[in-house]
């Protein structure tokens, strides 16, 4: 009998045999990719299936799959003990995973195939992301741009607190200038898999710390049930002097400070919102590399008004909120603040 999605943790390893392109879009967290068809081979077989016949496609596909499985047997599986118990996954739990599972079982491994394949896993994630978020008590870390929210989450995580860092999972800092240098965001499906995996590993009896995110982080959407739960949760509000915020932002966005052309291009996207004259003044500061002055004026004229507007709509003050003043946003300062917060809740 095939295994179900609920049994994922019971296996030594999850092997995804889909093509590298399919795997890159999304996969079960922790799975490894041992494709039985490469991207080009999968395309070739698919074209034969559509343009010639299923018989010709299967004949060519079987030969390709056999060669690729033989390569994996000579490499990945060569040193595996008889007790090794892998779970094999393909798109629908059909021929590709079936071929590798059959051979591994004939060898003597306790291999199993995932019933329904990746599609069954994806349905499970979508369903769970409507259910799981409501199980937890969140503490939403809020504060204007540059107040050290991400650094605080890191400090809380180092103290073994349960932290859901959505910006890390989304590979984006959540603002116009939030793209990470040299790092693309994951797909929406992959982001949702990462959120599901994080929530699935939390203890509902303990609080979950999360930043006061918007509905979108870069190009990615936060699951509706999660954002709704966050909006209904008490906040930990950070009060940080502007000078400390400017210092933090010049440190965390150093990659922009050496690239006036890029930052000016990004600032240009704000023209419709803030006006051409205001944006031109910001761009002039960037061209002169007057970084502390630019950061300060961006906070005053753009980020703080936008943040306060979003906060009033989505994370309105409540009696259950707690406020914390912080001036030292260094790693040690954030560690001290994390201790204070954990002692207070």
Foldseek 3Di string as FASTA:
>chain_A
DFDEPVCQVVAPAEEEQDEPVVVQQADQPRHDYQHLAYPVRVVVLVCCCVPPHPVVSVVSSVVSSVVSLVVCCVPVVVPPDLAHEYEYAYQQQDDNSVVNQVVNVVVRHNYHYYHGGVVSVLVVLVVVLLPLLVLAAEAAEDEFQLLQLVLLLVLLVVVVAQEDELCVLQCFPQDLLTHDPPDHGHHQSRSSSVNSVSSVPDDRVGYYYYYLHDQDGVPYGDRPNNLVSVLVHAYAYEDEDPVNSLVSCCVVSVVVLVPLPVVLVSLVVCCVPQNPVVSVVLSVCSVVSVRSVSSSVCRVRPRVVVRVVCCCVRVNHDPPYHYDYFYDSDSVRSNVVSVVVVVVD
